Every structure is written in structure tokens, then in C-alpha cells.
Amino acid sequence: MRVRIIGGGVAGLSCALALRLRAGIDDVQVFEREPCAEVMDRAGHGLLLMQNGAHALRRLAVAHLLQGCTALSHAMLQDKRGVVMRTNKLRDVYCITRAALVDGLRAGLPPGTIAFDRRCTGVEFAPASRGACVRAVHFASGPPLLGDAVDMFVGADGWRSPLRSALNPTLQHPASRVKEIVTSTRLPRLAARLRSCFVKTILPDQGAAFGLLAPTGTRVIGFLQFDSDRYKPPAPSATAADIRHFLDDVLSGAPEPVPTYLRHADLETAHLWEPVNADIPARLHCDNAVLVGDAAHPLLPFTSQGAGAALEDSIILADAMRSVGAERQLVSASLDGSLARSLARFCDARRREVAVYIEGGRRILANFLDPSSGVTLPYVDGAVSGLGERPGPPRARLTRRLQARGSNGDSHSGHDEPRDGSRRSGWRPPAPGSASSSAGALR
């Protein structure tokens, strides 16, 4: 089988690796939109990898990537009055730099697998008489990919994917009202204080929250989530001084360790992330093409599942392609419909599974914007992977969302209710044996 993947990020690289390792497909090539030099120089920031993502890396034989990143075992949620929640129950949850993840996936592929500077500009479908097939994929530079020479196309290039748009020409991509500013700073002393602890500060009356975590022993990532209707986001031309003024304004009065981080933050690294709040498209595939990762299901950042869901997509798709190979051996070597049937089954299953993340992220988004009924706490350990339970595509399972149970039993914590029974002022990383709660995801 000849597979061509559009997009060289986490979704595209893991898909290429999974298809080679798990489906035995050697003729796999990845088309990355940016030149090689720019890709290699791009450091990125970091991300949270939940159990399903960590499990997927093990299935891809690149679990060594986890050895150089922080295993998170603790989480703490606080507001201006003190601690809302502590837990030391995190298991198999990691903070990893994007560079480490992407570089590690890339290193697992043979030289020449990735074609750089190949930005996809459009997708052309075959005439209706030939069925729902991609006839050609066009690029800003270089020759097109022709459907007659490719068995399967994979769109792994994010929610702006031309294949996603071609399959769903009327699909809307409404912007999320909550946006993020992410920074990364070398702060060994704060990194040592954070250690394996994730700290999130919520400021519900200010329409903001700020998370801190250390992917390495010297670097700290800080991310601000804010209501863009309340605060106008910095312009693309904003200077470091402009961003500092914005952060100081939004996070006014935030408790430690937020002020410590802001004093030293490297704002030259600041990146404004503008997520979309989109539905899963009506069409995720055609007879010879399929969408994975953000191209199939862009997720709100509250879910902490962007990378994990993409990694799961890759493994489950590869296992589906392995069954295609077995079916073709029994029928014929020609395009006999087994690919289209397998893609349909894969997409139906993933649609049901990922819908859980979309629904959960939207619930947290709604409460973030209107905390009048109390504060619904974010996930703290994400989806428990089903990859290890059976060889076929798993049914994703989401652990119970961690919620502050109010004294009135409404699953919310109002400002007049004690939330952890032992509210304390001042920040310190939680110690083993501290108050813990049931699990959910970190953002």
C-alpha cells in the first residue's frame, strides 16, 4: 500500500510510524509544509500527555521519549483565597516539550520519509462516476500527488487542512472565546520547586486562569487562559513589553507562584493560541483519504487531549490498515473496497470516542465563562487508554471529572462554601499523603 500523509506534526509523524510498525506498510511519505531548516529550529513550548498518549508512545516503540520529561504525580488548584484542591493520585501523566515529542517521532522514521517545504494548497476529487476519491493533492511548490499513484491519503495538517475543507466545504470553524498565551522560560529554581507538580491558579471573577509546570529540571511553561471578550488579545505585532503589560493586567492579584514566574518570564517566547470551538465534521473520510488529529477533531485546550487523541488516532488507524492488508490477501490485490470500509469503521469509532472530549471541553468552557454557579474543576488525568485492552480499535473511556463537591450537593463549589475542607493560604507543592480527589485532565 502507498500512503501519503499531509502534515509533519505529532499526528502526521506518529501516523507514519504507526503504519510502518503496526501495519507493515513501508511505502509511507510525509509532506511537511515548512522548509527543513525552519522545522529543525522550531522549539515550541510544551504539552500535557495523559495516560492514553503515554500508552500510545509505548505502542509506537518510542517510550524512551518519556524518560527525559517530567512525570507528573501531583496537582494543585488554587485561587486568591488559597488551595482549592490537592491530589497526589496522578499516574502516567507527563509534561513534555513539543520539540522532544516531535523530534523523537521523527527519529523513528527512515531517512527520506519526510518531504519538506511542501505546503498543501488544495485537494481535487475525482468525477462522481468514479466514486468519492481524491484525484490529486496540490502544493505551493513541487508536483502534485496523483490519486492513481497513491492508495491512501491522510490529512494530518490541523483544522485548516485543505482535505478537511474539501470534504466539508461548508464547515464552520468558530473561534473559542477563551484564548491562551503560552510562554517558556529557563527558571531552574522555580522548576525545582514545581518538580512533578502541576499548579493552576483560577481567577473566576477576572475571567482568567494560569497554569505552571516544568517539563525539565530547568524550564518552566506558563500558560494564561483568558476571556477574549473581556480582554482584547495582544496584536500580532505586540512587543514583549506589551505582553507583559497584558499579563500583569489580567493576572492582577494572583497568588504565588504566578508573580515569581511573571517577574522572570521570557516574553520573547510568547505565543498567542486561538483555538476553535468546532464540531466534528460530517465527513472524516472518502474512499481513499482520511483525517486524523486536529484535522479530524480540533479540541479545546481544557481537554489536554490534542496530542493524546492524535497519537491514538495513529495506532487505531494503523491497526485498521493491517486488517485491510489481510482482507486484500483473501480477495485480490486490487482496490476492492476493503480500504473504504475500514476507513468508515475507523471514523465511526473515533467520532464516538472523541465526542466525549469535545463535550467535556465545552462544559468546562461554559463554566469558565460563567462561574456564577461555582467552579467546575478541570480534568486532572484525562482519558484512560483502551489500547492495551484488545488489539482492535478501543472505545475511549474518560475517567470521572474532578469536581469540587459543594455542601449543597450541586457538584460545584460556590465562593461561600469550603471546597477542600482544609483551605490553606500560600503555595507549596503537595506532599505525599496530601488531600486527593478523583481523576479528570489538567487543563
Protein backbone atom coordinates (compact mmCIF):
# COMPACT_ATOMS: atom_id res chain seq x y z
CA MET A 1 0.00 0.00 0.00
CA ARG A 2 1.21 3.52 -0.87
CA VAL A 3 0.35 6.11 1.79
CA ARG A 4 0.95 9.85 1.61
CA ILE A 5 0.48 11.93 4.77
CA ILE A 6 -0.11 15.68 4.65
CA GLY A 7 1.34 17.31 7.75
CA GLY A 8 4.55 16.70 9.68
CA GLY A 9 3.45 17.41 13.24
CA VAL A 10 2.58 14.97 16.02
CA ALA A 11 -0.37 13.49 14.11
CA GLY A 12 1.44 13.06 10.80
CA LEU A 13 4.70 11.69 12.20
CA SER A 14 3.03 9.27 14.60
CA CYS A 15 0.74 8.09 11.81
CA ALA A 16 3.73 7.35 9.57
CA LEU A 17 5.47 5.50 12.38
CA ALA A 18 2.37 3.50 13.31
CA LEU A 19 1.66 2.49 9.71
CA ARG A 20 5.21 1.20 9.31
CA LEU A 21 5.43 -0.60 12.65
CA ARG A 22 1.91 -1.91 13.13
CA ALA A 23 0.56 -2.30 9.59
CA GLY A 24 3.81 -3.28 7.87
CA ILE A 25 3.45 -0.52 5.26
CA ASP A 26 6.87 0.60 4.03
CA ASP A 27 5.78 2.99 1.29
CA VAL A 28 4.83 5.89 3.57
CA GLN A 29 5.83 9.51 2.99
CA VAL A 30 5.09 12.66 5.00
CA PHE A 31 4.70 16.09 3.37
CA GLU A 32 5.61 18.95 5.73
CA ARG A 33 4.64 22.49 4.76
CA GLU A 34 7.71 24.28 6.14
CA PRO A 35 11.35 24.10 5.00
CA CYS A 36 13.62 21.72 6.87
CA ALA A 37 15.71 24.47 8.49
CA GLU A 38 12.63 26.16 9.96
CA VAL A 39 11.26 22.89 11.27
CA MET A 40 14.53 21.98 12.98
CA ASP A 41 14.85 25.44 14.56
CA ARG A 42 11.30 25.49 15.91
CA ALA A 43 11.46 24.81 19.63
CA GLY A 44 7.80 25.15 20.54
CA HIS A 45 6.67 25.05 24.14
CA GLY A 46 5.26 22.03 25.91
CA LEU A 47 2.16 19.96 26.37
CA LEU A 48 0.47 17.61 28.77
CA LEU A 49 0.42 13.96 27.80
CA MET A 50 -2.24 11.90 29.51
CA GLN A 51 -2.29 8.14 30.02
CA ASN A 52 -3.62 7.39 26.56
CA GLY A 53 -0.82 9.42 24.95
CA ALA A 54 1.88 7.78 27.08
CA HIS A 55 0.46 4.36 26.28
CA ALA A 56 0.43 5.20 22.58
CA LEU A 57 4.13 6.13 22.66
CA ARG A 58 4.88 2.73 24.15
CA ARG A 59 2.91 1.07 21.37
CA LEU A 60 4.99 3.06 18.87
CA ALA A 61 8.23 1.82 20.46
CA VAL A 62 9.30 5.37 21.37
CA ALA A 63 8.59 5.25 25.11
CA HIS A 64 12.17 6.43 25.70
CA LEU A 65 10.84 9.92 24.93
CA LEU A 66 9.18 9.89 28.34
CA GLN A 67 12.47 9.37 30.17
CA GLY A 68 13.64 12.91 29.50
CA CYS A 69 10.42 14.66 30.52
CA THR A 70 8.62 15.27 33.79
CA ALA A 71 6.32 12.60 35.17
CA LEU A 72 3.55 14.48 36.97
CA SER A 73 2.36 12.91 40.19
CA HIS A 74 0.78 15.92 41.92
CA ALA A 75 -1.66 18.65 41.00
CA MET A 76 -2.83 21.70 42.88
CA LEU A 77 -5.63 24.09 42.09
CA GLN A 78 -5.79 27.43 43.89
CA ASP A 79 -7.49 30.79 43.81
CA LYS A 80 -6.77 34.07 45.60
CA ARG A 81 -8.08 32.67 48.88
CA GLY A 82 -5.89 29.59 48.92
CA VAL A 83 -5.90 25.95 47.93
CA VAL A 84 -9.00 24.58 46.23
CA MET A 85 -7.72 21.06 45.68
CA ARG A 86 -4.61 18.93 46.03
CA THR A 87 -4.06 15.47 44.64
CA ASN A 88 -1.15 13.08 44.58
CA LYS A 89 -3.03 10.48 42.55
CA LEU A 90 -1.70 11.29 39.07
CA ARG A 91 -0.32 8.24 37.30
CA ASP A 92 1.30 8.05 33.87
CA VAL A 93 0.76 11.77 33.17
CA TYR A 94 3.65 13.71 31.65
CA CYS A 95 4.72 17.21 30.77
CA ILE A 96 6.85 17.05 27.64
CA THR A 97 8.28 19.67 25.34
CA ARG A 98 6.84 19.69 21.86
CA ALA A 99 10.36 19.55 20.43
CA ALA A 100 11.17 16.35 22.34
CA LEU A 101 7.97 14.69 21.16
CA VAL A 102 8.25 15.70 17.51
CA ASP A 103 11.99 15.07 17.30
CA GLY A 104 11.59 11.63 18.85
CA LEU A 105 8.83 10.62 16.45
CA ARG A 106 10.83 11.92 13.51
CA ALA A 107 13.91 9.97 14.61
CA GLY A 108 11.91 6.76 14.45
CA LEU A 109 11.34 7.15 10.70
CA PRO A 110 13.81 6.18 7.97
CA PRO A 111 15.75 8.98 6.25
CA GLY A 112 13.84 10.43 3.32
CA THR A 113 10.40 9.75 4.76
CA ILE A 114 9.67 13.47 5.15
CA ALA A 115 9.43 15.87 2.21
CA PHE A 116 9.89 19.43 3.49
CA ASP A 117 8.64 22.73 2.05
CA ARG A 118 5.53 21.08 0.61
CA ARG A 119 2.61 23.24 1.71
CA CYS A 120 -0.69 21.75 0.60
CA THR A 121 -2.85 24.27 -1.26
CA GLY A 122 -5.79 22.23 -2.45
CA VAL A 123 -7.42 18.85 -2.98
CA GLU A 124 -9.14 17.74 -6.16
CA PHE A 125 -11.73 14.97 -6.21
CA ALA A 126 -12.37 12.50 -8.99
CA PRO A 127 -15.58 12.79 -11.03
CA ALA A 128 -18.63 11.41 -9.28
CA SER A 129 -18.74 8.47 -11.68
CA ARG A 130 -15.53 7.16 -10.12
CA GLY A 131 -16.77 7.37 -6.56
CA ALA A 132 -15.70 9.60 -3.68
CA CYS A 133 -11.94 9.58 -4.25
CA VAL A 134 -9.15 12.13 -4.11
CA ARG A 135 -7.76 12.57 -7.62
CA ALA A 136 -4.91 14.97 -6.77
CA VAL A 137 -3.34 16.88 -3.90
CA HIS A 138 -1.67 20.14 -4.90
CA PHE A 139 1.22 22.00 -3.27
CA ALA A 140 2.62 25.52 -3.39
CA SER A 141 5.85 24.05 -4.76
CA GLY A 142 6.65 20.74 -6.34
CA PRO A 143 4.49 18.33 -8.32
CA PRO A 144 1.04 17.24 -7.16
CA LEU A 145 0.28 13.85 -5.69
CA LEU A 146 -1.98 11.92 -8.05
CA GLY A 147 -4.62 9.53 -6.79
CA ASP A 148 -3.70 6.93 -9.41
CA ALA A 149 -0.26 6.61 -7.78
CA VAL A 150 -1.43 6.68 -4.13
CA ASP A 151 -3.61 4.17 -2.30
CA MET A 152 -4.40 6.32 0.73
CA PHE A 153 -4.07 9.99 1.63
CA VAL A 154 -4.03 11.11 5.28
CA GLY A 155 -4.85 14.68 6.25
CA ALA A 156 -2.86 15.41 9.42
CA ASP A 157 -2.29 19.14 8.96
CA GLY A 158 -4.62 20.68 11.54
CA TRP A 159 -8.07 22.22 11.40
CA ARG A 160 -7.08 24.38 8.42
CA SER A 161 -6.40 21.21 6.43
CA PRO A 162 -7.32 21.59 2.74
CA LEU A 163 -8.52 17.98 2.78
CA ARG A 164 -10.81 18.76 5.73
CA SER A 165 -12.20 21.74 3.82
CA ALA A 166 -12.58 19.81 0.58
CA LEU A 167 -14.51 17.06 2.33
CA ASN A 168 -16.65 19.62 4.20
CA PRO A 169 -16.86 22.79 2.09
CA THR A 170 -19.50 24.48 4.28
CA LEU A 171 -17.95 23.56 7.63
CA GLN A 172 -17.68 26.45 10.09
CA HIS A 173 -14.75 26.97 12.46
CA PRO A 174 -15.98 29.33 15.19
CA ALA A 175 -13.20 30.71 17.35
CA SER A 176 -13.21 29.82 21.02
CA ARG A 177 -13.91 32.78 23.25
CA VAL A 178 -11.18 31.58 25.61
CA LYS A 179 -7.69 32.04 24.17
CA GLU A 180 -4.25 31.20 25.52
CA ILE A 181 -0.87 32.88 25.78
CA VAL A 182 1.90 30.34 26.31
CA THR A 183 5.45 31.17 27.39
CA SER A 184 8.51 29.11 28.19
CA THR A 185 11.27 30.35 30.49
CA ARG A 186 14.51 28.99 31.88
CA LEU A 187 13.93 29.16 35.64
CA PRO A 188 15.82 26.35 37.42
CA ARG A 189 14.81 27.43 40.93
CA LEU A 190 11.10 27.55 40.15
CA ALA A 191 11.37 24.33 38.14
CA ALA A 192 12.90 22.68 41.20
CA ARG A 193 10.02 23.95 43.35
CA LEU A 194 7.40 22.68 40.92
CA ARG A 195 9.13 19.34 40.34
CA SER A 196 6.41 16.83 39.49
CA CYS A 197 3.58 19.17 40.46
CA PHE A 198 1.15 20.93 38.14
CA VAL A 199 -0.13 24.19 39.62
CA LYS A 200 -3.14 26.01 38.22
CA THR A 201 -4.44 29.31 39.55
CA ILE A 202 -8.05 30.19 38.76
CA LEU A 203 -9.36 33.75 38.88
CA PRO A 204 -13.05 33.26 38.03
CA ASP A 205 -14.05 36.84 38.79
CA GLN A 206 -11.37 38.04 36.37
CA GLY A 207 -12.15 35.60 33.57
CA ALA A 208 -8.67 34.08 33.70
CA ALA A 209 -6.60 31.10 34.80
CA PHE A 210 -2.86 30.48 34.78
CA GLY A 211 -1.07 27.14 34.72
CA LEU A 212 2.54 26.38 35.58
CA LEU A 213 4.52 23.21 35.08
CA ALA A 214 8.12 22.20 34.45
CA PRO A 215 8.84 19.84 31.52
CA THR A 216 12.53 19.68 32.50
CA GLY A 217 14.62 20.45 35.56
CA THR A 218 15.42 23.93 34.30
CA ARG A 219 12.49 25.11 32.19
CA VAL A 220 9.02 26.27 33.22
CA ILE A 221 5.99 26.65 30.98
CA GLY A 222 3.34 29.20 31.87
CA PHE A 223 0.01 29.42 30.08
CA LEU A 224 -2.68 32.02 30.52
CA GLN A 225 -6.28 31.20 29.60
CA PHE A 226 -8.44 34.31 29.29
CA ASP A 227 -11.85 35.51 28.15
CA SER A 228 -11.18 37.38 24.92
CA ASP A 229 -14.50 39.26 25.19
CA ARG A 230 -13.24 40.75 28.43
CA TYR A 231 -9.62 41.28 27.41
CA LYS A 232 -8.62 42.21 23.89
CA PRO A 233 -5.82 39.84 22.88
CA PRO A 234 -2.40 41.34 22.10
CA ALA A 235 -1.91 42.19 18.44
CA PRO A 236 0.45 40.04 16.33
CA SER A 237 2.87 42.97 16.37
CA ALA A 238 2.83 43.21 20.19
CA THR A 239 6.22 43.64 21.83
CA ALA A 240 7.44 41.79 24.91
CA ALA A 241 6.62 44.93 26.92
CA ASP A 242 3.07 44.93 25.53
CA ILE A 243 2.59 41.31 26.51
CA ARG A 244 4.00 41.90 29.98
CA HIS A 245 1.53 44.73 30.49
CA PHE A 246 -1.30 42.46 29.30
CA LEU A 247 -0.31 39.61 31.64
CA ASP A 248 0.09 41.93 34.62
CA ASP A 249 -3.36 43.37 33.97
CA VAL A 250 -5.17 40.05 33.53
CA LEU A 251 -3.39 38.34 36.44
CA SER A 252 -3.58 41.20 38.90
CA GLY A 253 -3.61 39.89 42.47
CA ALA A 254 -2.77 36.29 41.53
CA PRO A 255 -1.02 34.37 44.36
CA GLU A 256 2.39 32.70 44.22
CA PRO A 257 3.97 31.18 42.25
CA VAL A 258 2.40 33.30 39.48
CA PRO A 259 4.11 36.60 40.41
CA THR A 260 7.51 34.86 40.59
CA TYR A 261 7.07 33.46 37.13
CA LEU A 262 5.84 36.74 35.65
CA ARG A 263 8.82 38.66 37.03
CA HIS A 264 11.23 36.43 35.14
CA ALA A 265 9.14 35.24 32.18
CA ASP A 266 10.85 35.23 28.80
CA LEU A 267 8.12 37.00 26.88
CA GLU A 268 10.04 36.78 23.62
CA THR A 269 8.76 33.20 23.56
CA ALA A 270 5.11 34.24 23.98
CA HIS A 271 2.68 32.58 21.60
CA LEU A 272 -1.00 33.50 21.30
CA TRP A 273 -3.05 30.38 20.71
CA GLU A 274 -6.52 30.92 19.28
CA PRO A 275 -8.33 27.57 19.44
CA VAL A 276 -11.51 26.83 17.55
CA ASN A 277 -14.70 25.51 19.13
CA ALA A 278 -15.73 23.32 16.23
CA ASP A 279 -17.90 20.26 15.80
CA ILE A 280 -16.53 17.05 14.36
CA PRO A 281 -17.00 17.33 10.58
CA ALA A 282 -19.79 15.39 8.91
CA ARG A 283 -17.21 13.78 6.60
CA LEU A 284 -13.96 12.45 8.02
CA HIS A 285 -13.03 10.30 5.05
CA CYS A 286 -13.69 9.33 1.46
CA ASP A 287 -12.82 6.10 -0.33
CA ASN A 288 -9.07 6.79 -0.39
CA ALA A 289 -8.46 9.54 2.19
CA VAL A 290 -8.94 10.11 5.92
CA LEU A 291 -8.47 12.86 8.51
CA VAL A 292 -6.59 12.40 11.80
CA GLY A 293 -5.58 14.61 14.73
CA ASP A 294 -6.73 18.22 14.72
CA ALA A 295 -7.73 17.90 11.07
CA ALA A 296 -10.42 15.48 12.22
CA HIS A 297 -11.25 16.83 15.67
CA PRO A 298 -9.71 20.08 16.92
CA LEU A 299 -10.12 20.06 20.69
CA LEU A 300 -10.41 22.85 23.21
CA PRO A 301 -7.27 23.20 25.34
CA PHE A 302 -9.22 22.41 28.51
CA THR A 303 -9.20 18.74 27.48
CA SER A 304 -5.40 18.34 27.33
CA GLN A 305 -6.07 15.76 24.63
CA GLY A 306 -4.74 17.33 21.42
CA ALA A 307 -1.60 15.20 21.32
CA GLY A 308 -3.02 12.15 23.07
CA ALA A 309 -6.03 11.82 20.78
CA ALA A 310 -3.81 12.25 17.71
CA LEU A 311 -1.45 9.52 18.90
CA GLU A 312 -4.39 7.19 19.48
CA ASP A 313 -5.75 8.01 16.02
CA SER A 314 -2.46 6.86 14.52
CA ILE A 315 -2.37 3.49 16.24
CA ILE A 316 -6.04 2.70 15.68
CA LEU A 317 -5.79 3.69 12.00
CA ALA A 318 -2.67 1.54 11.56
CA ASP A 319 -4.43 -1.44 13.08
CA ALA A 320 -7.35 -0.86 10.70
CA MET A 321 -4.91 -0.83 7.77
CA ARG A 322 -3.41 -4.10 8.95
CA SER A 323 -6.86 -5.65 8.61
CA VAL A 324 -7.13 -4.15 5.11
CA GLY A 325 -3.97 -5.98 4.10
CA ALA A 326 -5.29 -9.26 5.45
CA GLU A 327 -8.64 -8.81 3.68
CA ARG A 328 -7.00 -8.00 0.36
CA GLN A 329 -4.91 -11.13 0.50
CA LEU A 330 -8.14 -13.09 0.70
CA VAL A 331 -9.89 -11.14 -2.09
CA SER A 332 -7.43 -9.60 -4.54
CA ALA A 333 -4.56 -7.16 -4.67
CA SER A 334 -6.71 -4.53 -6.34
CA LEU A 335 -8.66 -1.69 -4.73
CA ASP A 336 -11.60 -3.86 -3.76
CA GLY A 337 -13.46 -1.65 -1.32
CA SER A 338 -11.76 -3.01 1.79
CA LEU A 339 -9.94 0.30 2.32
CA ALA A 340 -13.14 2.35 2.14
CA ARG A 341 -14.93 0.01 4.54
CA SER A 342 -12.08 0.09 7.04
CA LEU A 343 -11.85 3.88 6.90
CA ALA A 344 -15.58 4.15 7.52
CA ARG A 345 -15.36 1.88 10.57
CA PHE A 346 -12.32 3.76 11.90
CA CYS A 347 -14.04 7.13 11.54
CA ASP A 348 -17.31 5.96 13.08
CA ALA A 349 -15.48 4.65 16.13
CA ARG A 350 -13.28 7.72 16.57
CA ARG A 351 -16.26 10.04 16.15
CA ARG A 352 -17.96 8.41 19.14
CA GLU A 353 -14.79 8.33 21.23
CA VAL A 354 -13.59 11.87 20.62
CA ALA A 355 -17.08 13.30 21.11
CA VAL A 356 -16.51 12.72 24.83
CA TYR A 357 -13.59 15.16 24.79
CA ILE A 358 -15.49 17.76 22.81
CA GLU A 359 -18.48 17.61 25.15
CA GLY A 360 -16.30 17.76 28.26
CA GLY A 361 -14.22 20.64 26.95
CA ARG A 362 -17.32 22.65 26.14
CA ARG A 363 -18.74 22.11 29.62
CA ILE A 364 -15.58 23.45 31.19
CA LEU A 365 -15.50 26.34 28.69
CA ALA A 366 -19.08 27.32 29.56
CA ASN A 367 -18.32 27.30 33.27
CA PHE A 368 -15.08 29.23 32.77
CA LEU A 369 -17.08 32.00 31.08
CA ASP A 370 -19.94 31.94 33.60
CA PRO A 371 -18.71 30.84 37.04
CA SER A 372 -21.82 32.17 38.80
CA SER A 373 -22.91 28.65 39.73
CA GLY A 374 -19.49 27.79 41.12
CA VAL A 375 -16.25 26.49 39.67
CA THR A 376 -16.11 23.19 37.81
CA LEU A 377 -12.56 21.97 38.15
CA PRO A 378 -10.59 20.84 35.10
CA TYR A 379 -9.57 17.32 34.18
CA VAL A 380 -6.55 16.05 36.04
CA ASP A 381 -5.67 12.80 34.36
CA GLY A 382 -7.57 12.61 31.13
CA ALA A 383 -8.60 9.53 29.24
CA VAL A 384 -7.65 6.07 30.39
CA SER A 385 -6.39 4.39 27.27
CA GLY A 386 -8.16 1.34 25.92
CA LEU A 387 -5.23 0.50 23.67
CA GLY A 388 -3.95 -2.19 25.98
CA GLU A 389 -7.24 -3.98 26.42
CA ARG A 390 -7.62 -5.52 22.98
CA PRO A 391 -5.81 -5.44 19.65
CA GLY A 392 -8.58 -3.67 17.76
CA PRO A 393 -9.70 -0.03 17.97
CA PRO A 394 -10.56 0.77 21.59
CA ARG A 395 -13.60 2.56 22.89
CA ALA A 396 -12.18 5.63 24.62
CA ARG A 397 -13.06 5.99 28.26
CA LEU A 398 -12.94 9.17 30.25
CA THR A 399 -12.36 8.99 33.97
CA ARG A 400 -14.65 10.90 36.29
CA ARG A 401 -14.22 14.64 36.08
CA LEU A 402 -12.74 16.06 39.20
CA GLN A 403 -15.32 18.40 40.64
CA ALA A 404 -15.44 20.34 43.86
CA ARG A 405 -18.49 18.90 45.58
CA GLY A 406 -20.36 21.79 47.18
CA SER A 407 -22.09 21.36 50.51
CA ASN A 408 -25.42 21.64 48.69
CA GLY A 409 -24.54 18.62 46.53
CA ASP A 410 -24.60 20.52 43.23
CA SER A 411 -21.13 19.36 42.10
CA HIS A 412 -19.98 22.97 42.15
CA SER A 413 -18.17 24.98 44.75
CA GLY A 414 -19.63 28.39 45.40
CA HIS A 415 -17.48 31.11 46.86
CA ASP A 416 -19.31 30.77 50.18
CA GLU A 417 -18.60 27.05 50.51
CA PRO A 418 -15.41 25.36 51.77
CA ARG A 419 -14.04 23.31 48.92
CA ASP A 420 -11.36 21.01 50.27
CA GLY A 421 -12.16 21.05 53.96
CA SER A 422 -8.71 22.41 54.76
CA ARG A 423 -8.21 25.63 52.80
CA ARG A 424 -4.72 26.99 53.26
CA SER A 425 -3.12 30.18 52.08
CA GLY A 426 0.30 30.25 50.44
CA TRP A 427 1.67 27.96 47.76
CA ARG A 428 3.73 24.87 48.23
CA PRO A 429 3.95 21.68 46.16
CA PRO A 430 1.70 18.96 47.62
CA ALA A 431 3.46 16.29 49.62
CA PRO A 432 2.69 12.58 49.52
CA GLY A 433 -0.41 11.84 51.52
CA SER A 434 -1.98 15.24 50.98
CA ALA A 435 -5.67 15.58 50.23
CA SER A 436 -6.54 13.95 46.94
CA SER A 437 -9.57 13.65 44.76
CA SER A 438 -10.83 11.54 41.91
CA ALA A 439 -9.40 11.97 38.49
CA GLY A 440 -10.23 14.03 35.44
CA ALA A 441 -7.42 16.22 32.99
CA LEU A 442 -5.14 19.06 33.77
CA ARG A 443 -6.24 21.98 31.74
